[in-house]
Amino acid sequence: MDRRVKYTQKVIKDTFLSLLEKKDISNITVTEICEIADINRATFYRYYLDVYDLLKKIEDEFMDQIKNSQPILNLTDYSVYSFAHEILTIFYNNKKLVNILFNTNNNMYFLNDVLEVAYEKCLEKWKTDDIDISDDEVEYAIVFVFNGALGMLNYWVKNNFDMSIDDLSRSIEKLSIYGARKFIYKK
C-alpha cells in the first residue's frame, strides 16, 4: 500500500477515534471528520462507506492483530493462563483503542473472532486431554468459561485496567479450572 494512502487512512482513523472519545457515533458525520482531518469527502468515500464502515474496519484491524499475534498463533503449550495473558497484553498495549471500542459498542460483539480462536484452542486441548465428559458438556463448559472471561475483561477495561495482566490471567485460569467456590474459599 502506498505511503500516502496509509497516511490518509491513519489521519481519518485518528480523527474519528478522537471524536468517538467525545461523542456517540450517531452524532459523528463524515463532513465533520473531513473538516478536522483536512481532507475532502471524496477521499473519505474512497476508503469507507460511512462512519459505521470506518468503525467496522478499525475493529477488524484490531481483531486481525490479535488473531495473527505470533504468541497466540504459536501457542503450542496451551493453558488458560498463557492464552489470557497474550490477549490481555494486546488489550493493555492498545488501551485507548480498547476503551473506545468497548464504550462505542456498549457490548463486546467485536470480540467474537477472538473468542472463536480461544474456543478452538480450548476445544482442541480438552478433547485431547483424557477428560471424562461428553462433547456437549465440553461445549457448555467452554461457553461458561468464555462468557465469564469476557465479563472479567469488560470489567477490567471499565475499571481502567486496574489489575495486573498476570493477576487477571491467573484469576481467569483459576475460575476457569476450579470455578468460583475454589477461588472464593481458599481452604
C-alpha atoms as a PDB file:
ATOM      1  CA  MET A   1       0.000   0.000   0.000  1.00  0.00           C
ATOM      2  CA  ASP A   2       1.210   3.469  -0.927  1.00  0.00           C
ATOM      3  CA  ARG A   3       2.567   5.568   1.979  1.00  0.00           C
ATOM      4  CA  ARG A   4       0.196   8.417   1.125  1.00  0.00           C
ATOM      5  CA  VAL A   5      -2.793   6.061   1.293  1.00  0.00           C
ATOM      6  CA  LYS A   6      -1.621   4.713   4.663  1.00  0.00           C
ATOM      7  CA  TYR A   7      -1.117   8.239   5.959  1.00  0.00           C
ATOM      8  CA  THR A   8      -4.536   9.405   4.752  1.00  0.00           C
ATOM      9  CA  GLN A   9      -6.293   6.413   6.285  1.00  0.00           C
ATOM     10  CA  LYS A  10      -4.402   6.939   9.559  1.00  0.00           C
ATOM     11  CA  VAL A  11      -5.467  10.598   9.680  1.00  0.00           C
ATOM     12  CA  ILE A  12      -9.097   9.603   9.043  1.00  0.00           C
ATOM     13  CA  LYS A  13      -8.995   6.896  11.724  1.00  0.00           C
ATOM     14  CA  ASP A  14      -7.237   9.078  14.297  1.00  0.00           C
ATOM     15  CA  THR A  15      -9.721  11.899  13.722  1.00  0.00           C
ATOM     16  CA  PHE A  16     -12.650   9.518  14.007  1.00  0.00           C
ATOM     17  CA  LEU A  17     -11.314   7.909  17.176  1.00  0.00           C
ATOM     18  CA  SER A  18     -10.717  11.285  18.810  1.00  0.00           C
ATOM     19  CA  LEU A  19     -14.327  12.216  18.018  1.00  0.00           C
ATOM     20  CA  LEU A  20     -15.559   8.890  19.426  1.00  0.00           C
ATOM     21  CA  GLU A  21     -13.857   9.722  22.716  1.00  0.00           C
ATOM     22  CA  LYS A  22     -16.092  12.790  22.998  1.00  0.00           C
ATOM     23  CA  LYS A  23     -19.400  11.740  21.484  1.00  0.00           C
ATOM     24  CA  ASP A  24     -21.581   8.930  20.253  1.00  0.00           C
ATOM     25  CA  ILE A  25     -21.028   7.553  16.767  1.00  0.00           C
ATOM     26  CA  SER A  26     -24.561   8.552  15.763  1.00  0.00           C
ATOM     27  CA  ASN A  27     -23.540  12.190  16.257  1.00  0.00           C
ATOM     28  CA  ILE A  28     -20.403  11.998  14.110  1.00  0.00           C
ATOM     29  CA  THR A  29     -20.657  12.949  10.457  1.00  0.00           C
ATOM     30  CA  VAL A  30     -18.395  12.330   7.502  1.00  0.00           C
ATOM     31  CA  THR A  31     -18.316  16.087   6.936  1.00  0.00           C
ATOM     32  CA  GLU A  32     -17.025  16.650  10.463  1.00  0.00           C
ATOM     33  CA  ILE A  33     -14.289  14.039  10.049  1.00  0.00           C
ATOM     34  CA  CYS A  34     -13.249  15.539   6.716  1.00  0.00           C
ATOM     35  CA  GLU A  35     -13.091  19.078   8.098  1.00  0.00           C
ATOM     36  CA  ILE A  36     -10.955  18.103  11.070  1.00  0.00           C
ATOM     37  CA  ALA A  37      -8.732  15.749   9.032  1.00  0.00           C
ATOM     38  CA  ASP A  38      -8.431  18.378   6.302  1.00  0.00           C
ATOM     39  CA  ILE A  39      -9.461  16.029   3.508  1.00  0.00           C
ATOM     40  CA  ASN A  40     -12.325  16.158   1.048  1.00  0.00           C
ATOM     41  CA  ARG A  41     -15.363  13.883   1.196  1.00  0.00           C
ATOM     42  CA  ALA A  42     -14.336  12.024  -1.965  1.00  0.00           C
ATOM     43  CA  THR A  43     -11.132  10.960  -0.213  1.00  0.00           C
ATOM     44  CA  PHE A  44     -13.105   9.616   2.750  1.00  0.00           C
ATOM     45  CA  TYR A  45     -15.503   7.719   0.473  1.00  0.00           C
ATOM     46  CA  ARG A  46     -12.603   6.229  -1.461  1.00  0.00           C
ATOM     47  CA  TYR A  47     -11.856   4.108   1.635  1.00  0.00           C
ATOM     48  CA  TYR A  48     -15.071   3.953   3.688  1.00  0.00           C
ATOM     49  CA  LEU A  49     -18.813   3.828   3.068  1.00  0.00           C
ATOM     50  CA  ASP A  50     -19.730   5.793   6.203  1.00  0.00           C
ATOM     51  CA  VAL A  51     -18.718   6.184   9.852  1.00  0.00           C
ATOM     52  CA  TYR A  52     -20.081   2.728  10.707  1.00  0.00           C
ATOM     53  CA  ASP A  53     -17.991   1.122   7.982  1.00  0.00           C
ATOM     54  CA  LEU A  54     -14.966   3.014   9.319  1.00  0.00           C
ATOM     55  CA  LEU A  55     -15.633   1.678  12.832  1.00  0.00           C
ATOM     56  CA  LYS A  56     -16.049  -1.862  11.498  1.00  0.00           C
ATOM     57  CA  LYS A  57     -12.742  -1.649   9.640  1.00  0.00           C
ATOM     58  CA  ILE A  58     -10.971  -0.371  12.758  1.00  0.00           C
ATOM     59  CA  GLU A  59     -12.452  -3.263  14.765  1.00  0.00           C
ATOM     60  CA  ASP A  60     -11.452  -5.758  12.060  1.00  0.00           C
ATOM     61  CA  GLU A  61      -7.861  -4.473  12.043  1.00  0.00           C
ATOM     62  CA  PHE A  62      -7.663  -4.829  15.818  1.00  0.00           C
ATOM     63  CA  MET A  63      -9.081  -8.364  15.675  1.00  0.00           C
ATOM     64  CA  ASP A  64      -6.611  -9.283  12.935  1.00  0.00           C
ATOM     65  CA  GLN A  65      -3.808  -8.013  15.165  1.00  0.00           C
ATOM     66  CA  ILE A  66      -4.999 -10.315  17.943  1.00  0.00           C
ATOM     67  CA  LYS A  67      -5.709 -13.336  15.763  1.00  0.00           C
ATOM     68  CA  ASN A  68      -2.391 -13.009  13.941  1.00  0.00           C
ATOM     69  CA  SER A  69      -0.314 -12.373  17.043  1.00  0.00           C
ATOM     70  CA  GLN A  70       2.680 -14.698  16.845  1.00  0.00           C
ATOM     71  CA  PRO A  71       2.482 -15.729  20.516  1.00  0.00           C
ATOM     72  CA  ILE A  72      -1.158 -16.746  20.011  1.00  0.00           C
ATOM     73  CA  LEU A  73      -0.560 -18.480  16.678  1.00  0.00           C
ATOM     74  CA  ASN A  74       2.443 -20.340  18.066  1.00  0.00           C
ATOM     75  CA  LEU A  75       0.917 -21.190  21.413  1.00  0.00           C
ATOM     76  CA  THR A  76       1.611 -24.910  21.422  1.00  0.00           C
ATOM     77  CA  ASP A  77       1.669 -25.373  25.166  1.00  0.00           C
ATOM     78  CA  TYR A  78      -1.854 -24.004  25.593  1.00  0.00           C
ATOM     79  CA  SER A  79      -3.068 -23.048  29.020  1.00  0.00           C
ATOM     80  CA  VAL A  80      -5.855 -20.729  30.035  1.00  0.00           C
ATOM     81  CA  TYR A  81      -3.238 -18.533  31.700  1.00  0.00           C
ATOM     82  CA  SER A  82      -0.959 -18.282  28.652  1.00  0.00           C
ATOM     83  CA  PHE A  83      -3.797 -17.527  26.252  1.00  0.00           C
ATOM     84  CA  ALA A  84      -5.406 -14.988  28.595  1.00  0.00           C
ATOM     85  CA  HIS A  85      -2.023 -13.357  29.210  1.00  0.00           C
ATOM     86  CA  GLU A  86      -1.391 -12.878  25.483  1.00  0.00           C
ATOM     87  CA  ILE A  87      -4.862 -11.430  24.847  1.00  0.00           C
ATOM     88  CA  LEU A  88      -4.699  -9.152  27.898  1.00  0.00           C
ATOM     89  CA  THR A  89      -1.256  -7.882  26.870  1.00  0.00           C
ATOM     90  CA  ILE A  90      -2.555  -6.866  23.447  1.00  0.00           C
ATOM     91  CA  PHE A  91      -5.526  -5.128  25.069  1.00  0.00           C
ATOM     92  CA  TYR A  92      -3.291  -3.352  27.575  1.00  0.00           C
ATOM     93  CA  ASN A  93      -0.933  -2.176  24.835  1.00  0.00           C
ATOM     94  CA  ASN A  94      -3.930  -0.709  22.967  1.00  0.00           C
ATOM     95  CA  LYS A  95      -5.747   0.834  25.950  1.00  0.00           C
ATOM     96  CA  LYS A  96      -7.058   3.901  24.169  1.00  0.00           C
ATOM     97  CA  LEU A  97      -8.497   1.939  21.245  1.00  0.00           C
ATOM     98  CA  VAL A  98      -9.926  -0.757  23.537  1.00  0.00           C
ATOM     99  CA  ASN A  99     -11.660   1.843  25.716  1.00  0.00           C
ATOM    100  CA  ILE A 100     -13.181   3.455  22.648  1.00  0.00           C
ATOM    101  CA  LEU A 101     -14.310   0.128  21.180  1.00  0.00           C
ATOM    102  CA  PHE A 102     -15.861  -1.044  24.440  1.00  0.00           C
ATOM    103  CA  ASN A 103     -17.602   2.269  25.036  1.00  0.00           C
ATOM    104  CA  THR A 104     -18.732   2.661  21.436  1.00  0.00           C
ATOM    105  CA  ASN A 105     -20.329  -0.725  21.158  1.00  0.00           C
ATOM    106  CA  ASN A 106     -21.755  -0.987  24.669  1.00  0.00           C
ATOM    107  CA  ASN A 107     -21.094  -4.667  24.120  1.00  0.00           C
ATOM    108  CA  MET A 108     -18.267  -6.852  23.009  1.00  0.00           C
ATOM    109  CA  TYR A 109     -19.550  -8.365  19.786  1.00  0.00           C
ATOM    110  CA  PHE A 110     -16.349  -7.334  18.094  1.00  0.00           C
ATOM    111  CA  LEU A 111     -14.573  -9.903  20.305  1.00  0.00           C
ATOM    112  CA  ASN A 112     -16.402 -12.856  18.783  1.00  0.00           C
ATOM    113  CA  ASP A 113     -13.451 -13.573  16.481  1.00  0.00           C
ATOM    114  CA  VAL A 114     -11.069 -13.716  19.443  1.00  0.00           C
ATOM    115  CA  LEU A 115     -13.455 -15.985  21.280  1.00  0.00           C
ATOM    116  CA  GLU A 116     -13.577 -18.287  18.286  1.00  0.00           C
ATOM    117  CA  VAL A 117      -9.785 -18.602  18.306  1.00  0.00           C
ATOM    118  CA  ALA A 118      -9.799 -19.249  22.056  1.00  0.00           C
ATOM    119  CA  TYR A 119     -12.701 -21.663  21.679  1.00  0.00           C
ATOM    120  CA  GLU A 120     -10.879 -23.717  19.043  1.00  0.00           C
ATOM    121  CA  LYS A 121      -7.695 -23.888  21.122  1.00  0.00           C
ATOM    122  CA  CYS A 122      -9.630 -24.839  24.237  1.00  0.00           C
ATOM    123  CA  LEU A 123     -11.730 -27.434  22.426  1.00  0.00           C
ATOM    124  CA  GLU A 124      -8.627 -28.957  20.866  1.00  0.00           C
ATOM    125  CA  LYS A 125      -6.876 -29.115  24.258  1.00  0.00           C
ATOM    126  CA  TRP A 126      -9.828 -30.508  26.206  1.00  0.00           C
ATOM    127  CA  LYS A 127     -10.613 -33.133  23.606  1.00  0.00           C
ATOM    128  CA  THR A 128      -7.012 -34.373  23.538  1.00  0.00           C
ATOM    129  CA  ASP A 129      -6.808 -34.495  27.327  1.00  0.00           C
ATOM    130  CA  ASP A 130      -8.322 -37.529  28.949  1.00  0.00           C
ATOM    131  CA  ILE A 131     -11.473 -35.833  30.236  1.00  0.00           C
ATOM    132  CA  ASP A 132     -14.453 -37.973  31.114  1.00  0.00           C
ATOM    133  CA  ILE A 133     -17.233 -35.692  29.816  1.00  0.00           C
ATOM    134  CA  SER A 134     -19.271 -35.701  26.633  1.00  0.00           C
ATOM    135  CA  ASP A 135     -18.739 -33.385  23.666  1.00  0.00           C
ATOM    136  CA  ASP A 136     -21.907 -31.491  24.640  1.00  0.00           C
ATOM    137  CA  GLU A 137     -20.599 -30.964  28.175  1.00  0.00           C
ATOM    138  CA  VAL A 138     -17.297 -29.693  26.775  1.00  0.00           C
ATOM    139  CA  GLU A 139     -19.225 -27.218  24.594  1.00  0.00           C
ATOM    140  CA  TYR A 140     -21.233 -25.944  27.578  1.00  0.00           C
ATOM    141  CA  ALA A 141     -18.123 -25.717  29.746  1.00  0.00           C
ATOM    142  CA  ILE A 142     -16.368 -23.639  27.091  1.00  0.00           C
ATOM    143  CA  VAL A 143     -19.352 -21.304  26.728  1.00  0.00           C
ATOM    144  CA  PHE A 144     -19.431 -20.881  30.518  1.00  0.00           C
ATOM    145  CA  VAL A 145     -15.710 -20.196  30.790  1.00  0.00           C
ATOM    146  CA  PHE A 146     -15.530 -17.748  27.911  1.00  0.00           C
ATOM    147  CA  ASN A 147     -18.573 -15.755  28.878  1.00  0.00           C
ATOM    148  CA  GLY A 148     -17.124 -15.414  32.367  1.00  0.00           C
ATOM    149  CA  ALA A 149     -13.737 -14.398  30.996  1.00  0.00           C
ATOM    150  CA  LEU A 150     -15.422 -11.904  28.679  1.00  0.00           C
ATOM    151  CA  GLY A 151     -17.227 -10.364  31.646  1.00  0.00           C
ATOM    152  CA  MET A 152     -13.938 -10.107  33.536  1.00  0.00           C
ATOM    153  CA  LEU A 153     -12.291  -8.485  30.519  1.00  0.00           C
ATOM    154  CA  ASN A 154     -15.106  -5.952  30.272  1.00  0.00           C
ATOM    155  CA  TYR A 155     -14.850  -5.187  33.993  1.00  0.00           C
ATOM    156  CA  TRP A 156     -11.073  -4.779  33.687  1.00  0.00           C
ATOM    157  CA  VAL A 157     -11.417  -2.302  30.819  1.00  0.00           C
ATOM    158  CA  LYS A 158     -14.223  -0.366  32.571  1.00  0.00           C
ATOM    159  CA  ASN A 159     -12.001  -0.110  35.676  1.00  0.00           C
ATOM    160  CA  ASN A 160      -9.127   1.365  33.694  1.00  0.00           C
ATOM    161  CA  PHE A 161      -7.013  -1.820  33.611  1.00  0.00           C
ATOM    162  CA  ASP A 162      -6.672  -1.701  37.403  1.00  0.00           C
ATOM    163  CA  MET A 163      -5.413  -5.283  37.847  1.00  0.00           C
ATOM    164  CA  SER A 164      -2.079  -6.503  36.532  1.00  0.00           C
ATOM    165  CA  ILE A 165      -2.098  -8.716  33.458  1.00  0.00           C
ATOM    166  CA  ASP A 166      -0.516 -11.557  35.455  1.00  0.00           C
ATOM    167  CA  ASP A 167      -3.071 -11.347  38.259  1.00  0.00           C
ATOM    168  CA  LEU A 168      -6.039 -11.190  35.903  1.00  0.00           C
ATOM    169  CA  SER A 169      -4.672 -14.078  33.818  1.00  0.00           C
ATOM    170  CA  ARG A 170      -4.282 -16.170  36.984  1.00  0.00           C
ATOM    171  CA  SER A 171      -7.805 -15.265  38.121  1.00  0.00           C
ATOM    172  CA  ILE A 172      -9.277 -16.234  34.751  1.00  0.00           C
ATOM    173  CA  GLU A 173      -7.366 -19.515  34.861  1.00  0.00           C
ATOM    174  CA  LYS A 174      -8.396 -20.325  38.451  1.00  0.00           C
ATOM    175  CA  LEU A 175     -12.052 -19.557  37.811  1.00  0.00           C
ATOM    176  CA  SER A 176     -11.989 -21.486  34.539  1.00  0.00           C
ATOM    177  CA  ILE A 177     -10.474 -24.580  36.085  1.00  0.00           C
ATOM    178  CA  TYR A 178     -11.842 -24.595  39.624  1.00  0.00           C
ATOM    179  CA  GLY A 179     -14.964 -22.463  39.461  1.00  0.00           C
ATOM    180  CA  ALA A 180     -15.939 -19.742  41.884  1.00  0.00           C
ATOM    181  CA  ARG A 181     -16.102 -21.912  45.004  1.00  0.00           C
ATOM    182  CA  LYS A 182     -12.427 -22.873  44.983  1.00  0.00           C
ATOM    183  CA  PHE A 183     -11.483 -19.287  44.078  1.00  0.00           C
ATOM    184  CA  ILE A 184     -13.507 -17.720  46.896  1.00  0.00           C
ATOM    185  CA  TYR A 185     -12.853 -20.345  49.565  1.00  0.00           C
ATOM    186  CA  LYS A 186      -9.071 -20.764  49.619  1.00  0.00           C
ATOM    187  CA  LYS A 187      -9.004 -23.731  52.008  1.00  0.00           C
END
